[in-house]
Amino acid sequence: KKDIEDSNIGLDAIMKLKPRLFRMIDDDENSQKELGFIAQEVKDYIPQAYTEQESTNGTFIGLQDRPIIATLTKALQEAVARIEALEAKIGGN
């Protein structure tokens, strides 16, 4: 890897994501809904997670998990830092 830099995509982005229940277009009405995200919504906050792939059936829009996992990690680090700062302010551990 090269050109490494720290990401600033973290808690703010995670707080804007909307977990959704949905069925894929080809699923029938009786199929169980999946839990996940709408790629077009995630693109606004974690653009590195958004993917488009051309196929014979058209363009498939989806998400990669790794950028979302990295963002969740950054968000957790930010949240823990805030908790620790508050604990220090009130004299906690």
Protein backbone atom coordinates (compact mmCIF):
# COMPACT_ATOMS: atom_id res chain seq x y z
CA LYS A 1 0.00 0.00 0.00
CA LYS A 2 1.13 3.57 -0.55
CA ASP A 3 -0.17 7.12 -0.14
CA ILE A 4 -1.56 6.13 3.27
CA GLU A 5 -3.53 8.69 5.27
CA ASP A 6 -5.95 8.58 8.18
CA SER A 7 -9.64 8.59 7.29
CA ASN A 8 -11.93 11.25 8.67
CA ILE A 9 -15.05 9.29 7.68
CA GLY A 10 -16.47 8.06 10.96
CA LEU A 11 -19.23 8.73 13.47
CA ASP A 12 -20.92 11.51 11.50
CA ALA A 13 -21.25 9.25 8.45
CA ILE A 14 -22.47 6.27 10.49
CA MET A 15 -25.13 8.38 12.21
CA LYS A 16 -26.53 9.36 8.80
CA LEU A 17 -26.89 5.79 7.51
CA LYS A 18 -30.35 4.25 7.50
CA PRO A 19 -30.51 0.49 8.01
CA ARG A 20 -33.41 -0.76 5.87
CA LEU A 21 -35.48 -3.89 5.35
CA PHE A 22 -36.06 -4.63 1.68
CA ARG A 23 -36.58 -7.21 -1.03
CA MET A 24 -34.56 -7.32 -4.21
CA ILE A 25 -36.42 -6.46 -7.42
CA ASP A 26 -36.48 -10.10 -8.58
CA ASP A 27 -37.73 -11.44 -5.20
CA ASP A 28 -41.36 -12.44 -4.87
CA GLU A 29 -43.68 -10.90 -2.29
CA ASN A 30 -43.38 -13.92 0.01
CA SER A 31 -39.60 -13.88 0.26
CA GLN A 32 -38.05 -12.71 3.49
CA LYS A 33 -36.83 -9.12 3.56
CA GLU A 34 -33.11 -8.52 3.83
CA LEU A 35 -31.53 -6.12 6.32
CA GLY A 36 -28.98 -3.75 4.86
CA PHE A 37 -28.46 -0.40 3.24
CA ILE A 38 -29.55 1.26 0.02
CA ALA A 39 -26.34 1.79 -1.97
CA GLN A 40 -27.43 5.14 -3.36
CA GLU A 41 -27.99 6.44 0.20
CA VAL A 42 -24.65 5.14 1.48
CA LYS A 43 -22.84 6.72 -1.48
CA ASP A 44 -23.47 10.21 -0.04
CA TYR A 45 -21.63 9.38 3.21
CA ILE A 46 -19.18 6.54 2.39
CA PRO A 47 -18.55 6.84 -1.36
CA GLN A 48 -15.77 4.25 -1.20
CA ALA A 49 -18.40 1.58 -0.37
CA TYR A 50 -20.50 2.23 -3.49
CA THR A 51 -19.97 0.04 -6.55
CA GLU A 52 -21.43 -0.23 -10.02
CA GLN A 53 -20.85 -3.23 -12.27
CA GLU A 54 -22.00 -3.56 -15.85
CA SER A 55 -23.50 -6.89 -16.88
CA THR A 56 -25.64 -8.25 -19.68
CA ASN A 57 -28.70 -7.46 -17.52
CA GLY A 58 -27.72 -3.82 -17.05
CA THR A 59 -25.91 -2.03 -14.26
CA PHE A 60 -25.71 -3.70 -10.84
CA ILE A 61 -25.40 -1.20 -7.99
CA GLY A 62 -24.11 -2.52 -4.70
CA LEU A 63 -21.91 -2.00 -1.66
CA GLN A 64 -18.55 -3.23 -0.48
CA ASP A 65 -18.41 -4.13 3.22
CA ARG A 66 -14.77 -3.23 3.91
CA PRO A 67 -15.20 0.59 3.69
CA ILE A 68 -18.27 0.34 5.93
CA ILE A 69 -16.36 -1.77 8.47
CA ALA A 70 -13.49 0.74 8.45
CA THR A 71 -15.98 3.57 8.99
CA LEU A 72 -17.61 1.68 11.87
CA THR A 73 -14.17 1.20 13.43
CA LYS A 74 -13.42 4.93 13.14
CA ALA A 75 -16.86 5.74 14.58
CA LEU A 76 -16.26 3.45 17.57
CA GLN A 77 -12.86 5.05 18.17
CA GLU A 78 -14.45 8.51 18.08
CA ALA A 79 -17.26 7.45 20.44
CA VAL A 80 -14.82 5.90 22.94
CA ALA A 81 -12.69 9.07 22.86
CA ARG A 82 -15.79 11.15 23.63
CA ILE A 83 -16.78 8.83 26.49
CA GLU A 84 -13.26 8.94 27.93
CA ALA A 85 -13.23 12.75 27.71
CA LEU A 86 -16.57 12.94 29.53
CA GLU A 87 -15.39 10.49 32.18
CA ALA A 88 -12.23 12.55 32.73
CA LYS A 89 -14.35 15.70 33.02
CA ILE A 90 -16.57 14.21 35.73
CA GLY A 91 -13.75 12.35 37.46
CA GLY A 92 -14.63 8.84 36.32
CA ASN A 93 -12.25 6.07 35.40
